[in-house]
All heavy atoms as atom14 arrays in JSON, in Angstrom:
{
  "sequence": "IAMIFQEPMTSLNPVFRIGVQIEEAIRVHR",
  "atom14_mask": [
    [1, 1, 1, 1, 1, 1, 1, 1, 0, 0, 0, 0, 0, 0],
    [1, 1, 1, 1, 1, 0, 0, 0, 0, 0, 0, 0, 0, 0],
    [1, 1, 1, 1, 1, 1, 1, 1, 0, 0, 0, 0, 0, 0],
    [1, 1, 1, 1, 1, 1, 1, 1, 0, 0, 0, 0, 0, 0],
    [1, 1, 1, 1, 1, 1, 1, 1, 1, 1, 1, 0, 0, 0],
    [1, 1, 1, 1, 1, 1, 1, 1, 1, 0, 0, 0, 0, 0],
    [1, 1, 1, 1, 1, 1, 1, 1, 1, 0, 0, 0, 0, 0],
    [1, 1, 1, 1, 1, 1, 1, 0, 0, 0, 0, 0, 0, 0],
    [1, 1, 1, 1, 1, 1, 1, 1, 0, 0, 0, 0, 0, 0],
    [1, 1, 1, 1, 1, 1, 1, 0, 0, 0, 0, 0, 0, 0],
    [1, 1, 1, 1, 1, 1, 0, 0, 0, 0, 0, 0, 0, 0],
    [1, 1, 1, 1, 1, 1, 1, 1, 0, 0, 0, 0, 0, 0],
    [1, 1, 1, 1, 1, 1, 1, 1, 0, 0, 0, 0, 0, 0],
    [1, 1, 1, 1, 1, 1, 1, 0, 0, 0, 0, 0, 0, 0],
    [1, 1, 1, 1, 1, 1, 1, 0, 0, 0, 0, 0, 0, 0],
    [1, 1, 1, 1, 1, 1, 1, 1, 1, 1, 1, 0, 0, 0],
    [1, 1, 1, 1, 1, 1, 1, 1, 1, 1, 1, 0, 0, 0],
    [1, 1, 1, 1, 1, 1, 1, 1, 0, 0, 0, 0, 0, 0],
    [1, 1, 1, 1, 0, 0, 0, 0, 0, 0, 0, 0, 0, 0],
    [1, 1, 1, 1, 1, 1, 1, 0, 0, 0, 0, 0, 0, 0],
    [1, 1, 1, 1, 1, 1, 1, 1, 1, 0, 0, 0, 0, 0],
    [1, 1, 1, 1, 1, 1, 1, 1, 0, 0, 0, 0, 0, 0],
    [1, 1, 1, 1, 1, 1, 1, 1, 1, 0, 0, 0, 0, 0],
    [1, 1, 1, 1, 1, 1, 1, 1, 1, 0, 0, 0, 0, 0],
    [1, 1, 1, 1, 1, 0, 0, 0, 0, 0, 0, 0, 0, 0],
    [1, 1, 1, 1, 1, 1, 1, 1, 0, 0, 0, 0, 0, 0],
    [1, 1, 1, 1, 1, 1, 1, 1, 1, 1, 1, 0, 0, 0],
    [1, 1, 1, 1, 1, 1, 1, 0, 0, 0, 0, 0, 0, 0],
    [1, 1, 1, 1, 1, 1, 1, 1, 1, 1, 0, 0, 0, 0],
    [1, 1, 1, 1, 1, 1, 1, 1, 1, 1, 1, 0, 0, 0]
  ],
  "atom14_positions": [
    [[148.84, 67.45, 60.9], [148.73, 66.45, 61.97], [147.36, 66.62, 62.61], [147.03, 67.71, 63.09], [149.83, 66.59, 63.03], [151.22, 66.5, 62.41], [149.68, 65.52, 64.11], [152.36, 66.69, 63.4], [0.0, 0.0, 0.0], [0.0, 0.0, 0.0], [0.0, 0.0, 0.0], [0.0, 0.0, 0.0], [0.0, 0.0, 0.0], [0.0, 0.0, 0.0]],
    [[146.56, 65.57, 62.62], [145.21, 65.64, 63.19], [145.1, 64.66, 64.34], [145.85, 63.68, 64.42], [144.17, 65.33, 62.12], [0.0, 0.0, 0.0], [0.0, 0.0, 0.0], [0.0, 0.0, 0.0], [0.0, 0.0, 0.0], [0.0, 0.0, 0.0], [0.0, 0.0, 0.0], [0.0, 0.0, 0.0], [0.0, 0.0, 0.0], [0.0, 0.0, 0.0]],
    [[144.14, 64.92, 65.22], [143.99, 64.08, 66.41], [142.53, 63.74, 66.64], [141.65, 64.59, 66.52], [144.56, 64.79, 67.64], [144.64, 63.93, 68.88], [145.71, 64.67, 70.14], [145.62, 63.44, 71.44], [0.0, 0.0, 0.0], [0.0, 0.0, 0.0], [0.0, 0.0, 0.0], [0.0, 0.0, 0.0], [0.0, 0.0, 0.0], [0.0, 0.0, 0.0]],
    [[142.28, 62.46, 66.95], [140.96, 62.0, 67.38], [141.04, 61.8, 68.88], [141.85, 61.01, 69.36], [140.58, 60.66, 66.7], [140.68, 60.76, 65.17], [139.18, 60.24, 67.1], [140.56, 59.42, 64.48], [0.0, 0.0, 0.0], [0.0, 0.0, 0.0], [0.0, 0.0, 0.0], [0.0, 0.0, 0.0], [0.0, 0.0, 0.0], [0.0, 0.0, 0.0]],
    [[140.18, 62.5, 69.61], [140.25, 62.45, 71.06], [139.43, 61.3, 71.61], [138.6, 60.71, 70.92], [139.82, 63.79, 71.66], [140.76, 64.91, 71.32], [140.53, 65.72, 70.21], [141.89, 65.14, 72.08], [141.41, 66.73, 69.88], [142.78, 66.15, 71.76], [142.53, 66.96, 70.65], [0.0, 0.0, 0.0], [0.0, 0.0, 0.0], [0.0, 0.0, 0.0]],
    [[139.64, 61.04, 72.89], [139.12, 59.84, 73.53], [137.59, 59.82, 73.65], [136.97, 58.8, 73.45], [139.76, 59.69, 74.91], [139.49, 58.37, 75.59], [140.38, 58.17, 76.79], [141.29, 58.94, 77.04], [140.13, 57.13, 77.55], [0.0, 0.0, 0.0], [0.0, 0.0, 0.0], [0.0, 0.0, 0.0], [0.0, 0.0, 0.0], [0.0, 0.0, 0.0]],
    [[136.99, 60.96, 73.96], [135.55, 61.0, 74.2], [134.9, 62.02, 73.27], [135.03, 63.23, 73.49], [135.29, 61.35, 75.67], [133.82, 61.52, 76.03], [132.92, 60.42, 75.46], [133.1, 59.26, 75.85], [132.07, 60.74, 74.62], [0.0, 0.0, 0.0], [0.0, 0.0, 0.0], [0.0, 0.0, 0.0], [0.0, 0.0, 0.0], [0.0, 0.0, 0.0]],
    [[134.2, 61.57, 72.22], [133.66, 62.51, 71.24], [132.59, 63.44, 71.79], [132.41, 64.54, 71.3], [133.08, 61.59, 70.15], [132.86, 60.28, 70.83], [133.93, 60.18, 71.87], [0.0, 0.0, 0.0], [0.0, 0.0, 0.0], [0.0, 0.0, 0.0], [0.0, 0.0, 0.0], [0.0, 0.0, 0.0], [0.0, 0.0, 0.0], [0.0, 0.0, 0.0]],
    [[131.85, 63.02, 72.82], [130.79, 63.87, 73.34], [131.36, 65.13, 73.99], [130.74, 66.18, 73.97], [129.94, 63.1, 74.35], [128.59, 63.75, 74.62], [127.61, 63.94, 73.12], [126.31, 65.03, 73.69], [0.0, 0.0, 0.0], [0.0, 0.0, 0.0], [0.0, 0.0, 0.0], [0.0, 0.0, 0.0], [0.0, 0.0, 0.0], [0.0, 0.0, 0.0]],
    [[132.56, 65.05, 74.58], [133.17, 66.23, 75.17], [134.07, 66.96, 74.18], [134.45, 68.1, 74.42], [134.01, 65.84, 76.41], [134.98, 64.85, 76.03], [133.13, 65.25, 77.49], [0.0, 0.0, 0.0], [0.0, 0.0, 0.0], [0.0, 0.0, 0.0], [0.0, 0.0, 0.0], [0.0, 0.0, 0.0], [0.0, 0.0, 0.0], [0.0, 0.0, 0.0]],
    [[134.41, 66.33, 73.06], [135.24, 66.97, 72.05], [134.41, 67.79, 71.07], [134.9, 68.78, 70.51], [136.04, 65.91, 71.28], [136.85, 65.16, 72.16], [0.0, 0.0, 0.0], [0.0, 0.0, 0.0], [0.0, 0.0, 0.0], [0.0, 0.0, 0.0], [0.0, 0.0, 0.0], [0.0, 0.0, 0.0], [0.0, 0.0, 0.0], [0.0, 0.0, 0.0]],
    [[133.17, 67.38, 70.84], [132.28, 68.12, 69.95], [131.54, 69.19, 70.75], [131.17, 68.97, 71.9], [131.27, 67.17, 69.29], [131.85, 66.17, 68.3], [130.8, 65.12, 67.93], [132.38, 66.86, 67.06], [0.0, 0.0, 0.0], [0.0, 0.0, 0.0], [0.0, 0.0, 0.0], [0.0, 0.0, 0.0], [0.0, 0.0, 0.0], [0.0, 0.0, 0.0]],
    [[131.32, 70.34, 70.12], [130.58, 71.42, 70.77], [129.09, 71.1, 70.73], [128.52, 70.93, 69.65], [130.86, 72.74, 70.06], [130.38, 73.94, 70.85], [129.3, 73.92, 71.44], [131.2, 74.97, 70.88], [0.0, 0.0, 0.0], [0.0, 0.0, 0.0], [0.0, 0.0, 0.0], [0.0, 0.0, 0.0], [0.0, 0.0, 0.0], [0.0, 0.0, 0.0]],
    [[128.42, 71.01, 71.88], [127.02, 70.57, 71.9], [126.04, 71.57, 71.28], [124.91, 71.2, 70.98], [126.73, 70.37, 73.39], [127.7, 71.26, 74.09], [128.93, 71.26, 73.24], [0.0, 0.0, 0.0], [0.0, 0.0, 0.0], [0.0, 0.0, 0.0], [0.0, 0.0, 0.0], [0.0, 0.0, 0.0], [0.0, 0.0, 0.0], [0.0, 0.0, 0.0]],
    [[126.43, 72.84, 71.1], [125.48, 73.85, 70.63], [125.62, 74.16, 69.14], [124.91, 75.02, 68.62], [125.61, 75.15, 71.45], [125.35, 74.89, 72.92], [126.97, 75.8, 71.26], [0.0, 0.0, 0.0], [0.0, 0.0, 0.0], [0.0, 0.0, 0.0], [0.0, 0.0, 0.0], [0.0, 0.0, 0.0], [0.0, 0.0, 0.0], [0.0, 0.0, 0.0]],
    [[126.53, 73.47, 68.44], [126.69, 73.66, 67.01], [126.38, 72.36, 66.27], [126.71, 71.27, 66.74], [128.11, 74.11, 66.66], [128.41, 75.52, 67.05], [129.13, 75.79, 68.22], [127.98, 76.58, 66.27], [129.4, 77.09, 68.59], [128.26, 77.89, 66.63], [128.96, 78.15, 67.79], [0.0, 0.0, 0.0], [0.0, 0.0, 0.0], [0.0, 0.0, 0.0]],
    [[125.77, 72.5, 65.12], [125.47, 71.33, 64.28], [126.79, 70.73, 63.8], [127.79, 71.42, 63.63], [124.6, 71.74, 63.09], [123.28, 72.38, 63.5], [122.47, 72.76, 62.26], [121.36, 73.64, 62.61], [120.16, 73.23, 63.0], [119.92, 71.94, 63.12], [119.21, 74.1, 63.29], [0.0, 0.0, 0.0], [0.0, 0.0, 0.0], [0.0, 0.0, 0.0]],
    [[126.77, 69.41, 63.55], [128.03, 68.74, 63.21], [128.57, 69.24, 61.87], [129.79, 69.32, 61.67], [127.87, 67.21, 63.21], [126.9, 66.75, 62.12], [127.45, 66.71, 64.57], [126.98, 65.27, 61.85], [0.0, 0.0, 0.0], [0.0, 0.0, 0.0], [0.0, 0.0, 0.0], [0.0, 0.0, 0.0], [0.0, 0.0, 0.0], [0.0, 0.0, 0.0]],
    [[127.68, 69.59, 60.94], [128.15, 70.11, 59.66], [128.93, 71.39, 59.82], [129.96, 71.6, 59.16], [0.0, 0.0, 0.0], [0.0, 0.0, 0.0], [0.0, 0.0, 0.0], [0.0, 0.0, 0.0], [0.0, 0.0, 0.0], [0.0, 0.0, 0.0], [0.0, 0.0, 0.0], [0.0, 0.0, 0.0], [0.0, 0.0, 0.0], [0.0, 0.0, 0.0]],
    [[128.47, 72.26, 60.72], [129.16, 73.52, 60.99], [130.54, 73.26, 61.59], [131.53, 73.93, 61.25], [128.32, 74.4, 61.94], [129.11, 75.63, 62.4], [127.02, 74.82, 61.26], [0.0, 0.0, 0.0], [0.0, 0.0, 0.0], [0.0, 0.0, 0.0], [0.0, 0.0, 0.0], [0.0, 0.0, 0.0], [0.0, 0.0, 0.0], [0.0, 0.0, 0.0]],
    [[130.62, 72.27, 62.48], [131.9, 71.98, 63.15], [132.93, 71.4, 62.18], [134.11, 71.74, 62.23], [131.66, 71.04, 64.33], [130.78, 71.67, 65.4], [130.69, 70.86, 66.68], [131.71, 70.55, 67.29], [129.48, 70.5, 67.09], [0.0, 0.0, 0.0], [0.0, 0.0, 0.0], [0.0, 0.0, 0.0], [0.0, 0.0, 0.0], [0.0, 0.0, 0.0]],
    [[132.48, 70.52, 61.29], [133.41, 69.97, 60.3], [133.83, 71.07, 59.32], [135.0, 71.18, 58.93], [132.77, 68.79, 59.55], [132.43, 67.66, 60.53], [133.72, 68.27, 58.46], [131.65, 66.52, 59.89], [0.0, 0.0, 0.0], [0.0, 0.0, 0.0], [0.0, 0.0, 0.0], [0.0, 0.0, 0.0], [0.0, 0.0, 0.0], [0.0, 0.0, 0.0]],
    [[132.87, 71.9, 58.93], [133.17, 73.0, 58.0], [134.19, 73.97, 58.59], [135.05, 74.5, 57.89], [131.88, 73.74, 57.65], [132.06, 74.78, 56.57], [130.75, 75.48, 56.22], [129.67, 74.93, 56.49], [130.84, 76.6, 55.67], [0.0, 0.0, 0.0], [0.0, 0.0, 0.0], [0.0, 0.0, 0.0], [0.0, 0.0, 0.0], [0.0, 0.0, 0.0]],
    [[134.09, 74.2, 59.91], [135.04, 75.09, 60.56], [136.47, 74.56, 60.46], [137.41, 75.32, 60.25], [134.66, 75.26, 62.04], [135.61, 76.1, 62.87], [135.57, 77.58, 62.52], [134.73, 77.98, 61.69], [136.39, 78.34, 63.07], [0.0, 0.0, 0.0], [0.0, 0.0, 0.0], [0.0, 0.0, 0.0], [0.0, 0.0, 0.0], [0.0, 0.0, 0.0]],
    [[136.63, 73.23, 60.6], [137.96, 72.63, 60.47], [138.54, 72.86, 59.08], [139.75, 73.0, 58.92], [137.88, 71.13, 60.78], [0.0, 0.0, 0.0], [0.0, 0.0, 0.0], [0.0, 0.0, 0.0], [0.0, 0.0, 0.0], [0.0, 0.0, 0.0], [0.0, 0.0, 0.0], [0.0, 0.0, 0.0], [0.0, 0.0, 0.0], [0.0, 0.0, 0.0]],
    [[137.67, 72.9, 58.07], [138.12, 73.16, 56.69], [138.41, 74.64, 56.49], [139.43, 75.01, 55.89], [137.04, 72.68, 55.69], [136.78, 71.19, 55.87], [137.46, 72.99, 54.26], [135.53, 70.7, 55.15], [0.0, 0.0, 0.0], [0.0, 0.0, 0.0], [0.0, 0.0, 0.0], [0.0, 0.0, 0.0], [0.0, 0.0, 0.0], [0.0, 0.0, 0.0]],
    [[137.53, 75.5, 57.0], [137.65, 76.95, 56.78], [138.95, 77.5, 57.34], [139.58, 78.39, 56.74], [136.46, 77.66, 57.42], [136.39, 79.16, 57.11], [135.32, 79.84, 57.94], [135.62, 79.78, 59.36], [136.52, 80.57, 59.95], [137.19, 81.47, 59.25], [136.75, 80.46, 61.24], [0.0, 0.0, 0.0], [0.0, 0.0, 0.0], [0.0, 0.0, 0.0]],
    [[139.38, 76.98, 58.49], [140.58, 77.5, 59.15], [141.82, 77.27, 58.3], [142.75, 78.1, 58.29], [140.74, 76.84, 60.54], [142.12, 77.13, 61.13], [139.65, 77.32, 61.48], [0.0, 0.0, 0.0], [0.0, 0.0, 0.0], [0.0, 0.0, 0.0], [0.0, 0.0, 0.0], [0.0, 0.0, 0.0], [0.0, 0.0, 0.0], [0.0, 0.0, 0.0]],
    [[141.86, 76.18, 57.55], [143.09, 75.8, 56.85], [143.0, 75.87, 55.32], [144.04, 75.75, 54.65], [143.49, 74.38, 57.25], [143.84, 74.24, 58.7], [144.99, 74.76, 59.25], [143.17, 73.66, 59.74], [145.04, 74.49, 60.54], [143.94, 73.82, 60.86], [0.0, 0.0, 0.0], [0.0, 0.0, 0.0], [0.0, 0.0, 0.0], [0.0, 0.0, 0.0]],
    [[141.82, 76.04, 54.77], [141.7, 76.05, 53.3], [140.93, 77.28, 52.82], [139.97, 77.7, 53.46], [140.97, 74.78, 52.83], [141.78, 73.51, 53.0], [141.15, 72.38, 52.22], [141.92, 71.16, 52.31], [141.66, 70.07, 51.6], [140.63, 70.06, 50.76], [142.41, 68.99, 51.71], [0.0, 0.0, 0.0], [0.0, 0.0, 0.0], [0.0, 0.0, 0.0]]
  ]
}
């Protein structure tokens, strides 16, 4: 079950590159 939150600027970590953040979502579960 995944969720898209209302405001992406506050949902994304401002100090990490977007590739790292997406990769983290994969690493945790795969």
